[in-house]
């Protein structure tokens, strides 16, 4: 037969536990959003700027220097793999 042992937890301890749980949820959500963004294969030019961390004008320079742009359903898109390869080739 199972025995139950009463457990008394102070309000302060409960608040501390809730705080930790909330922090874990926020971190997991943020990590999930980052993973989702990384897994997206095609980006529009705005997303490509955000991914690279550059302005639109700088992105246009990269395109002029050979960064590949593909057309998907009439929309210009940039593949993440192409961005990564471009930077591998153009960094010393």
PDB file of N, CA and C in Angstrom:
ATOM      1  N   UNK A   1       0.841  -1.178   0.000  1.00  0.00           N
ATOM      2  CA  UNK A   1       0.000   0.000   0.000  1.00  0.00           C
ATOM      3  C   UNK A   1       0.887   1.243   0.000  1.00  0.00           C
ATOM      4  N   UNK A   2       0.515   2.215  -0.814  1.00  0.00           N
ATOM      5  CA  UNK A   2       1.293   3.442  -0.902  1.00  0.00           C
ATOM      6  C   UNK A   2       0.973   4.347   0.263  1.00  0.00           C
ATOM      7  N   UNK A   3       2.022   4.964   0.785  1.00  0.00           N
ATOM      8  CA  UNK A   3       1.828   5.949   1.844  1.00  0.00           C
ATOM      9  C   UNK A   3       2.035   7.331   1.269  1.00  0.00           C
ATOM     10  N   UNK A   4       1.258   8.262   1.725  1.00  0.00           N
ATOM     11  CA  UNK A   4       1.409   9.643   1.316  1.00  0.00           C
ATOM     12  C   UNK A   4       2.053  10.422   2.444  1.00  0.00           C
ATOM     13  N   UNK A   5       3.031  11.222   2.064  1.00  0.00           N
ATOM     14  CA  UNK A   5       3.710  12.071   3.034  1.00  0.00           C
ATOM     15  C   UNK A   5       3.339  13.509   2.704  1.00  0.00           C
ATOM     16  N   UNK A   6       2.755  14.209   3.642  1.00  0.00           N
ATOM     17  CA  UNK A   6       2.386  15.606   3.363  1.00  0.00           C
ATOM     18  C   UNK A   6       3.646  16.456   3.182  1.00  0.00           C
ATOM     19  N   UNK A   7       3.581  17.365   2.229  1.00  0.00           N
ATOM     20  CA  UNK A   7       4.707  18.230   1.923  1.00  0.00           C
ATOM     21  C   UNK A   7       4.230  19.673   1.982  1.00  0.00           C
ATOM     22  N   UNK A   8       4.915  20.464   2.780  1.00  0.00           N
ATOM     23  CA  UNK A   8       4.555  21.870   2.918  1.00  0.00           C
ATOM     24  C   UNK A   8       5.633  22.696   2.217  1.00  0.00           C
ATOM     25  N   UNK A   9       5.187  23.501   1.250  1.00  0.00           N
ATOM     26  CA  UNK A   9       6.108  24.349   0.495  1.00  0.00           C
ATOM     27  C   UNK A   9       5.698  25.793   0.725  1.00  0.00           C
ATOM     28  N   UNK A  10       6.675  26.599   1.062  1.00  0.00           N
ATOM     29  CA  UNK A  10       6.375  28.008   1.334  1.00  0.00           C
ATOM     30  C   UNK A  10       5.985  28.734   0.047  1.00  0.00           C
ATOM     31  N   UNK A  11       5.270  29.846   0.205  1.00  0.00           N
ATOM     32  CA  UNK A  11       4.880  30.664  -0.949  1.00  0.00           C
ATOM     33  C   UNK A  11       6.113  31.158  -1.703  1.00  0.00           C
ATOM     34  N   UNK A  12       7.154  31.494  -0.971  1.00  0.00           N
ATOM     35  CA  UNK A  12       8.392  31.973  -1.589  1.00  0.00           C
ATOM     36  C   UNK A  12       9.005  30.896  -2.484  1.00  0.00           C
ATOM     37  N   UNK A  13       9.007  29.659  -2.015  1.00  0.00           N
ATOM     38  CA  UNK A  13       9.549  28.555  -2.797  1.00  0.00           C
ATOM     39  C   UNK A  13       8.695  28.305  -4.036  1.00  0.00           C
ATOM     40  N   UNK A  14       7.390  28.375  -3.888  1.00  0.00           N
ATOM     41  CA  UNK A  14       6.488  28.191  -5.029  1.00  0.00           C
ATOM     42  C   UNK A  14       6.744  29.263  -6.083  1.00  0.00           C
ATOM     43  N   UNK A  15       6.904  30.520  -5.645  1.00  0.00           N
ATOM     44  CA  UNK A  15       7.187  31.609  -6.589  1.00  0.00           C
ATOM     45  C   UNK A  15       8.523  31.381  -7.294  1.00  0.00           C
ATOM     46  N   UNK A  16       9.515  30.903  -6.564  1.00  0.00           N
ATOM     47  CA  UNK A  16      10.825  30.634  -7.164  1.00  0.00           C
ATOM     48  C   UNK A  16      10.717  29.525  -8.215  1.00  0.00           C
ATOM     49  N   UNK A  17       9.960  28.495  -7.918  1.00  0.00           N
ATOM     50  CA  UNK A  17       9.754  27.398  -8.871  1.00  0.00           C
ATOM     51  C   UNK A  17       9.021  27.906 -10.112  1.00  0.00           C
ATOM     52  N   UNK A  18       7.984  28.719  -9.912  1.00  0.00           N
ATOM     53  CA  UNK A  18       7.236  29.281 -11.037  1.00  0.00           C
ATOM     54  C   UNK A  18       8.134  30.149 -11.915  1.00  0.00           C
ATOM     55  N   UNK A  19       9.004  30.916 -11.282  1.00  0.00           N
ATOM     56  CA  UNK A  19       9.919  31.783 -12.035  1.00  0.00           C
ATOM     57  C   UNK A  19      10.847  30.945 -12.912  1.00  0.00           C
ATOM     58  N   UNK A  20      11.397  29.882 -12.350  1.00  0.00           N
ATOM     59  CA  UNK A  20      12.297  29.014 -13.111  1.00  0.00           C
ATOM     60  C   UNK A  20      11.549  28.365 -14.276  1.00  0.00           C
ATOM     61  N   UNK A  21      10.345  27.899 -14.025  1.00  0.00           N
ATOM     62  CA  UNK A  21       9.546  27.272 -15.086  1.00  0.00           C
ATOM     63  C   UNK A  21       9.266  28.273 -16.202  1.00  0.00           C
ATOM     64  N   UNK A  22       8.892  29.493 -15.837  1.00  0.00           N
ATOM     65  CA  UNK A  22       8.630  30.528 -16.841  1.00  0.00           C
ATOM     66  C   UNK A  22       9.876  30.828 -17.666  1.00  0.00           C
ATOM     67  N   UNK A  23      11.033  30.907 -17.016  1.00  0.00           N
ATOM     68  CA  UNK A  23      12.282  31.173 -17.729  1.00  0.00           C
ATOM     69  C   UNK A  23      12.601  30.051 -18.713  1.00  0.00           C
ATOM     70  N   UNK A  24      12.368  28.817 -18.297  1.00  0.00           N
ATOM     71  CA  UNK A  24      12.617  27.670 -19.171  1.00  0.00           C
ATOM     72  C   UNK A  24      11.679  27.710 -20.379  1.00  0.00           C
ATOM     73  N   UNK A  25      10.424  28.057 -20.153  1.00  0.00           N
ATOM     74  CA  UNK A  25       9.456  28.146 -21.250  1.00  0.00           C
ATOM     75  C   UNK A  25       9.873  29.224 -22.244  1.00  0.00           C
ATOM     76  N   UNK A  26      10.263  30.386 -21.743  1.00  0.00           N
ATOM     77  CA  UNK A  26      10.690  31.480 -22.627  1.00  0.00           C
ATOM     78  C   UNK A  26      11.917  31.058 -23.430  1.00  0.00           C
ATOM     79  N   UNK A  27      12.880  30.435 -22.776  1.00  0.00           N
ATOM     80  CA  UNK A  27      14.095  29.998 -23.463  1.00  0.00           C
ATOM     81  C   UNK A  27      13.778  28.947 -24.520  1.00  0.00           C
ATOM     82  N   UNK A  28      12.917  27.996 -24.181  1.00  0.00           N
ATOM     83  CA  UNK A  28      12.553  26.944 -25.135  1.00  0.00           C
ATOM     84  C   UNK A  28      11.827  27.530 -26.339  1.00  0.00           C
ATOM     85  N   UNK A  29      10.956  28.495 -26.101  1.00  0.00           N
ATOM     86  CA  UNK A  29      10.227  29.142 -27.193  1.00  0.00           C
ATOM     87  C   UNK A  29      11.189  29.892 -28.099  1.00  0.00           C
ATOM     88  N   UNK A  30      12.107  30.633 -27.509  1.00  0.00           N
ATOM     89  CA  UNK A  30      13.094  31.380 -28.289  1.00  0.00           C
ATOM     90  C   UNK A  30      13.963  30.429 -29.100  1.00  0.00           C
ATOM     91  N   UNK A  31      14.429  29.352 -28.472  1.00  0.00           N
ATOM     92  CA  UNK A  31      15.246  28.367 -29.180  1.00  0.00           C
ATOM     93  C   UNK A  31      14.469  27.756 -30.343  1.00  0.00           C
ATOM     94  N   UNK A  32      13.198  27.452 -30.115  1.00  0.00           N
ATOM     95  CA  UNK A  32      12.355  26.870 -31.152  1.00  0.00           C
ATOM     96  C   UNK A  32      12.198  27.817 -32.331  1.00  0.00           C
ATOM     97  N   UNK A  33      12.017  29.105 -32.055  1.00  0.00           N
ATOM     98  CA  UNK A  33      11.887  30.098 -33.125  1.00  0.00           C
ATOM     99  C   UNK A  33      13.182  30.202 -33.919  1.00  0.00           C
ATOM    100  N   UNK A  34      14.319  30.173 -33.233  1.00  0.00           N
ATOM    101  CA  UNK A  34      15.612  30.245 -33.919  1.00  0.00           C
ATOM    102  C   UNK A  34      15.837  29.023 -34.798  1.00  0.00           C
ATOM    103  N   UNK A  35      15.501  27.858 -34.276  1.00  0.00           N
ATOM    104  CA  UNK A  35      15.661  26.626 -35.047  1.00  0.00           C
ATOM    105  C   UNK A  35      14.777  26.671 -36.285  1.00  0.00           C
ATOM    106  N   UNK A  36      13.552  27.142 -36.117  1.00  0.00           N
ATOM    107  CA  UNK A  36      12.620  27.248 -37.237  1.00  0.00           C
ATOM    108  C   UNK A  36      13.165  28.172 -38.314  1.00  0.00           C
ATOM    109  N   UNK A  37      13.732  29.306 -37.913  1.00  0.00           N
ATOM    110  CA  UNK A  37      14.300  30.244 -38.882  1.00  0.00           C
ATOM    111  C   UNK A  37      15.492  29.629 -39.595  1.00  0.00           C
ATOM    112  N   UNK A  38      16.310  28.886 -38.878  1.00  0.00           N
ATOM    113  CA  UNK A  38      17.497  28.274 -39.477  1.00  0.00           C
ATOM    114  C   UNK A  38      17.112  27.198 -40.480  1.00  0.00           C
ATOM    115  N   UNK A  39      16.002  26.496 -40.211  1.00  0.00           N
ATOM    116  CA  UNK A  39      15.613  25.389 -41.066  1.00  0.00           C
ATOM    117  C   UNK A  39      14.930  25.851 -42.352  1.00  0.00           C
ATOM    118  N   UNK A  40      14.517  27.094 -42.410  1.00  0.00           N
ATOM    119  CA  UNK A  40      13.868  27.612 -43.603  1.00  0.00           C
ATOM    120  C   UNK A  40      14.905  27.665 -44.724  1.00  0.00           C
ATOM    121  N   UNK A  41      14.619  27.007 -45.831  1.00  0.00           N
ATOM    122  CA  UNK A  41      15.600  26.875 -46.892  1.00  0.00           C
ATOM    123  C   UNK A  41      15.707  28.113 -47.772  1.00  0.00           C
ATOM    124  N   UNK A  42      14.593  28.720 -48.104  1.00  0.00           N
ATOM    125  CA  UNK A  42      14.580  29.886 -48.982  1.00  0.00           C
ATOM    126  C   UNK A  42      14.189  31.127 -48.198  1.00  0.00           C
ATOM    127  N   UNK A  43      14.841  32.242 -48.523  1.00  0.00           N
ATOM    128  CA  UNK A  43      14.555  33.509 -47.845  1.00  0.00           C
ATOM    129  C   UNK A  43      14.272  34.567 -48.898  1.00  0.00           C
ATOM    130  N   UNK A  44      13.371  35.497 -48.555  1.00  0.00           N
ATOM    131  CA  UNK A  44      13.258  36.662 -49.423  1.00  0.00           C
ATOM    132  C   UNK A  44      14.442  37.571 -49.089  1.00  0.00           C
ATOM    133  N   UNK A  45      14.579  38.674 -49.809  1.00  0.00           N
ATOM    134  CA  UNK A  45      15.761  39.515 -49.616  1.00  0.00           C
ATOM    135  C   UNK A  45      15.800  40.144 -48.225  1.00  0.00           C
ATOM    136  N   UNK A  46      14.646  40.487 -47.694  1.00  0.00           N
ATOM    137  CA  UNK A  46      14.612  41.059 -46.343  1.00  0.00           C
ATOM    138  C   UNK A  46      15.100  40.034 -45.319  1.00  0.00           C
ATOM    139  N   UNK A  47      14.608  38.801 -45.446  1.00  0.00           N
ATOM    140  CA  UNK A  47      15.042  37.742 -44.537  1.00  0.00           C
ATOM    141  C   UNK A  47      16.530  37.454 -44.704  1.00  0.00           C
ATOM    142  N   UNK A  48      17.011  37.518 -45.944  1.00  0.00           N
ATOM    143  CA  UNK A  48      18.440  37.294 -46.191  1.00  0.00           C
ATOM    144  C   UNK A  48      19.276  38.370 -45.506  1.00  0.00           C
ATOM    145  N   UNK A  49      18.806  39.619 -45.569  1.00  0.00           N
ATOM    146  CA  UNK A  49      19.517  40.708 -44.875  1.00  0.00           C
ATOM    147  C   UNK A  49      19.594  40.426 -43.381  1.00  0.00           C
ATOM    148  N   UNK A  50      18.477  39.978 -42.804  1.00  0.00           N
ATOM    149  CA  UNK A  50      18.439  39.673 -41.371  1.00  0.00           C
ATOM    150  C   UNK A  50      19.350  38.496 -41.048  1.00  0.00           C
ATOM    151  N   UNK A  51      19.326  37.468 -41.886  1.00  0.00           N
ATOM    152  CA  UNK A  51      20.144  36.275 -41.678  1.00  0.00           C
ATOM    153  C   UNK A  51      21.631  36.625 -41.686  1.00  0.00           C
ATOM    154  N   UNK A  52      22.019  37.466 -42.657  1.00  0.00           N
ATOM    155  CA  UNK A  52      23.422  37.843 -42.793  1.00  0.00           C
ATOM    156  C   UNK A  52      23.798  38.940 -41.802  1.00  0.00           C
ATOM    157  N   UNK A  53      22.831  39.802 -41.504  1.00  0.00           N
ATOM    158  CA  UNK A  53      23.097  40.922 -40.608  1.00  0.00           C
ATOM    159  C   UNK A  53      23.638  42.131 -41.342  1.00  0.00           C
ATOM    160  N   UNK A  54      23.111  42.365 -42.555  1.00  0.00           N
ATOM    161  CA  UNK A  54      23.572  43.493 -43.363  1.00  0.00           C
ATOM    162  C   UNK A  54      22.381  44.296 -43.870  1.00  0.00           C
ATOM    163  N   UNK A  55      22.687  45.469 -44.425  1.00  0.00           N
ATOM    164  CA  UNK A  55      21.648  46.312 -45.019  1.00  0.00           C
ATOM    165  C   UNK A  55      21.273  45.768 -46.400  1.00  0.00           C
ATOM    166  N   UNK A  56      20.168  46.286 -46.933  1.00  0.00           N
ATOM    167  CA  UNK A  56      19.726  45.876 -48.264  1.00  0.00           C
ATOM    168  C   UNK A  56      20.772  46.245 -49.322  1.00  0.00           C
ATOM    169  N   UNK A  57      21.378  47.422 -49.191  1.00  0.00           N
ATOM    170  CA  UNK A  57      22.410  47.837 -50.155  1.00  0.00           C
ATOM    171  C   UNK A  57      23.607  46.890 -50.141  1.00  0.00           C
ATOM    172  N   UNK A  58      23.995  46.443 -48.956  1.00  0.00           N
ATOM    173  CA  UNK A  58      25.111  45.494 -48.861  1.00  0.00           C
ATOM    174  C   UNK A  58      24.722  44.165 -49.492  1.00  0.00           C
ATOM    175  N   UNK A  59      23.488  43.734 -49.281  1.00  0.00           N
ATOM    176  CA  UNK A  59      23.021  42.499 -49.913  1.00  0.00           C
ATOM    177  C   UNK A  59      23.094  42.628 -51.436  1.00  0.00           C
ATOM    178  N   UNK A  60      22.696  43.775 -51.967  1.00  0.00           N
ATOM    179  CA  UNK A  60      22.772  43.992 -53.419  1.00  0.00           C
ATOM    180  C   UNK A  60      24.221  43.895 -53.902  1.00  0.00           C
ATOM    181  N   UNK A  61      25.167  44.405 -53.120  1.00  0.00           N
ATOM    182  CA  UNK A  61      26.586  44.284 -53.480  1.00  0.00           C
ATOM    183  C   UNK A  61      27.007  42.818 -53.523  1.00  0.00           C
ATOM    184  N   UNK A  62      26.561  42.045 -52.526  1.00  0.00           N
ATOM    185  CA  UNK A  62      26.883  40.614 -52.504  1.00  0.00           C
ATOM    186  C   UNK A  62      26.307  39.917 -53.734  1.00  0.00           C
ATOM    187  N   UNK A  63      25.094  40.295 -54.122  1.00  0.00           N
ATOM    188  CA  UNK A  63      24.471  39.707 -55.310  1.00  0.00           C
ATOM    189  C   UNK A  63      25.286  40.066 -56.549  1.00  0.00           C
ATOM    190  N   UNK A  64      25.716  41.318 -56.632  1.00  0.00           N
ATOM    191  CA  UNK A  64      26.559  41.749 -57.761  1.00  0.00           C
ATOM    192  C   UNK A  64      27.884  40.990 -57.786  1.00  0.00           C
ATOM    193  N   UNK A  65      28.366  40.573 -56.597  1.00  0.00           N
ATOM    194  CA  UNK A  65      29.634  39.839 -56.492  1.00  0.00           C
ATOM    195  C   UNK A  65      29.452  38.334 -56.664  1.00  0.00           C
ATOM    196  N   UNK A  66      28.203  37.896 -56.903  1.00  0.00           N
ATOM    197  CA  UNK A  66      28.006  36.480 -57.203  1.00  0.00           C
ATOM    198  C   UNK A  66      27.078  35.710 -56.287  1.00  0.00           C
ATOM    199  N   UNK A  67      26.510  36.345 -55.283  1.00  0.00           N
ATOM    200  CA  UNK A  67      25.545  35.636 -54.435  1.00  0.00           C
ATOM    201  C   UNK A  67      24.348  35.252 -55.300  1.00  0.00           C
ATOM    202  N   UNK A  68      24.045  33.981 -55.319  1.00  0.00           N
ATOM    203  CA  UNK A  68      23.008  33.448 -56.200  1.00  0.00           C
ATOM    204  C   UNK A  68      21.609  33.830 -55.716  1.00  0.00           C
ATOM    205  N   UNK A  69      20.778  34.257 -56.662  1.00  0.00           N
ATOM    206  CA  UNK A  69      19.370  34.540 -56.405  1.00  0.00           C
ATOM    207  C   UNK A  69      18.569  33.625 -57.318  1.00  0.00           C
ATOM    208  N   UNK A  70      17.583  32.926 -56.761  1.00  0.00           N
ATOM    209  CA  UNK A  70      16.742  32.043 -57.569  1.00  0.00           C
ATOM    210  C   UNK A  70      15.331  32.606 -57.616  1.00  0.00           C
ATOM    211  N   UNK A  71      14.622  32.244 -58.661  1.00  0.00           N
ATOM    212  CA  UNK A  71      13.244  32.701 -58.791  1.00  0.00           C
ATOM    213  C   UNK A  71      12.317  31.540 -58.462  1.00  0.00           C
ATOM    214  N   UNK A  72      11.439  31.757 -57.488  1.00  0.00           N
ATOM    215  CA  UNK A  72      10.474  30.748 -57.075  1.00  0.00           C
ATOM    216  C   UNK A  72       9.091  31.350 -57.272  1.00  0.00           C
ATOM    217  N   UNK A  73       8.326  30.781 -58.180  1.00  0.00           N
ATOM    218  CA  UNK A  73       6.969  31.265 -58.465  1.00  0.00           C
ATOM    219  C   UNK A  73       6.965  32.765 -58.760  1.00  0.00           C
ATOM    220  N   UNK A  74       7.964  33.215 -59.516  1.00  0.00           N
ATOM    221  CA  UNK A  74       8.040  34.618 -59.891  1.00  0.00           C
ATOM    222  C   UNK A  74       8.594  35.541 -58.824  1.00  0.00           C
ATOM    223  N   UNK A  75       9.030  34.981 -57.712  1.00  0.00           N
ATOM    224  CA  UNK A  75       9.566  35.784 -56.606  1.00  0.00           C
ATOM    225  C   UNK A  75      11.047  35.460 -56.447  1.00  0.00           C
ATOM    226  N   UNK A  76      11.864  36.497 -56.332  1.00  0.00           N
ATOM    227  CA  UNK A  76      13.297  36.285 -56.136  1.00  0.00           C
ATOM    228  C   UNK A  76      13.560  35.843 -54.704  1.00  0.00           C
ATOM    229  N   UNK A  77      14.258  34.727 -54.574  1.00  0.00           N
ATOM    230  CA  UNK A  77      14.569  34.165 -53.268  1.00  0.00           C
ATOM    231  C   UNK A  77      16.059  33.833 -53.208  1.00  0.00           C
ATOM    232  N   UNK A  78      16.556  33.732 -51.988  1.00  0.00           N
ATOM    233  CA  UNK A  78      17.961  33.383 -51.774  1.00  0.00           C
ATOM    234  C   UNK A  78      17.996  32.169 -50.852  1.00  0.00           C
ATOM    235  N   UNK A  79      18.743  31.157 -51.288  1.00  0.00           N
ATOM    236  CA  UNK A  79      18.850  29.952 -50.466  1.00  0.00           C
ATOM    237  C   UNK A  79      19.913  30.154 -49.387  1.00  0.00           C
ATOM    238  N   UNK A  80      19.622  29.656 -48.200  1.00  0.00           N
ATOM    239  CA  UNK A  80      20.592  29.776 -47.105  1.00  0.00           C
ATOM    240  C   UNK A  80      21.907  29.105 -47.461  1.00  0.00           C
ATOM    241  N   UNK A  81      21.821  27.971 -48.106  1.00  0.00           N
ATOM    242  CA  UNK A  81      23.046  27.259 -48.468  1.00  0.00           C
ATOM    243  C   UNK A  81      23.901  28.109 -49.401  1.00  0.00           C
ATOM    244  N   UNK A  82      23.255  28.881 -50.286  1.00  0.00           N
ATOM    245  CA  UNK A  82      24.012  29.762 -51.179  1.00  0.00           C
ATOM    246  C   UNK A  82      24.681  30.895 -50.408  1.00  0.00           C
ATOM    247  N   UNK A  83      23.992  31.427 -49.406  1.00  0.00           N
ATOM    248  CA  UNK A  83      24.589  32.473 -48.565  1.00  0.00           C
ATOM    249  C   UNK A  83      25.812  31.913 -47.843  1.00  0.00           C
ATOM    250  N   UNK A  84      25.639  30.737 -47.246  1.00  0.00           N
ATOM    251  CA  UNK A  84      26.743  30.128 -46.498  1.00  0.00           C
ATOM    252  C   UNK A  84      27.939  29.841 -47.408  1.00  0.00           C
ATOM    253  N   UNK A  85      27.666  29.308 -48.599  1.00  0.00           N
ATOM    254  CA  UNK A  85      28.750  29.024 -49.545  1.00  0.00           C
ATOM    255  C   UNK A  85      29.426  30.308 -50.018  1.00  0.00           C
ATOM    256  N   UNK A  86      28.633  31.351 -50.257  1.00  0.00           N
ATOM    257  CA  UNK A  86      29.183  32.637 -50.686  1.00  0.00           C
ATOM    258  C   UNK A  86      30.172  33.158 -49.649  1.00  0.00           C
ATOM    259  N   UNK A  87      29.784  33.079 -48.375  1.00  0.00           N
ATOM    260  CA  UNK A  87      30.672  33.585 -47.331  1.00  0.00           C
ATOM    261  C   UNK A  87      31.902  32.709 -47.149  1.00  0.00           C
ATOM    262  N   UNK A  88      31.759  31.410 -47.351  1.00  0.00           N
ATOM    263  CA  UNK A  88      32.928  30.532 -47.270  1.00  0.00           C
ATOM    264  C   UNK A  88      33.947  30.894 -48.345  1.00  0.00           C
ATOM    265  N   UNK A  89      33.458  31.221 -49.539  1.00  0.00           N
ATOM    266  CA  UNK A  89      34.347  31.564 -50.651  1.00  0.00           C
ATOM    267  C   UNK A  89      34.947  32.959 -50.510  1.00  0.00           C
ATOM    268  N   UNK A  90      34.244  33.864 -49.838  1.00  0.00           N
ATOM    269  CA  UNK A  90      34.674  35.262 -49.804  1.00  0.00           C
ATOM    270  C   UNK A  90      35.276  35.700 -48.469  1.00  0.00           C
ATOM    271  N   UNK A  91      35.568  34.752 -47.598  1.00  0.00           N
ATOM    272  CA  UNK A  91      36.239  35.110 -46.345  1.00  0.00           C
ATOM    273  C   UNK A  91      37.631  34.508 -46.350  1.00  0.00           C
ATOM    274  N   UNK A  92      38.545  35.248 -45.789  1.00  0.00           N
ATOM    275  CA  UNK A  92      39.947  34.807 -45.788  1.00  0.00           C
ATOM    276  C   UNK A  92      40.226  33.872 -44.648  1.00  0.00           C
TER     277      UNK A  92
END
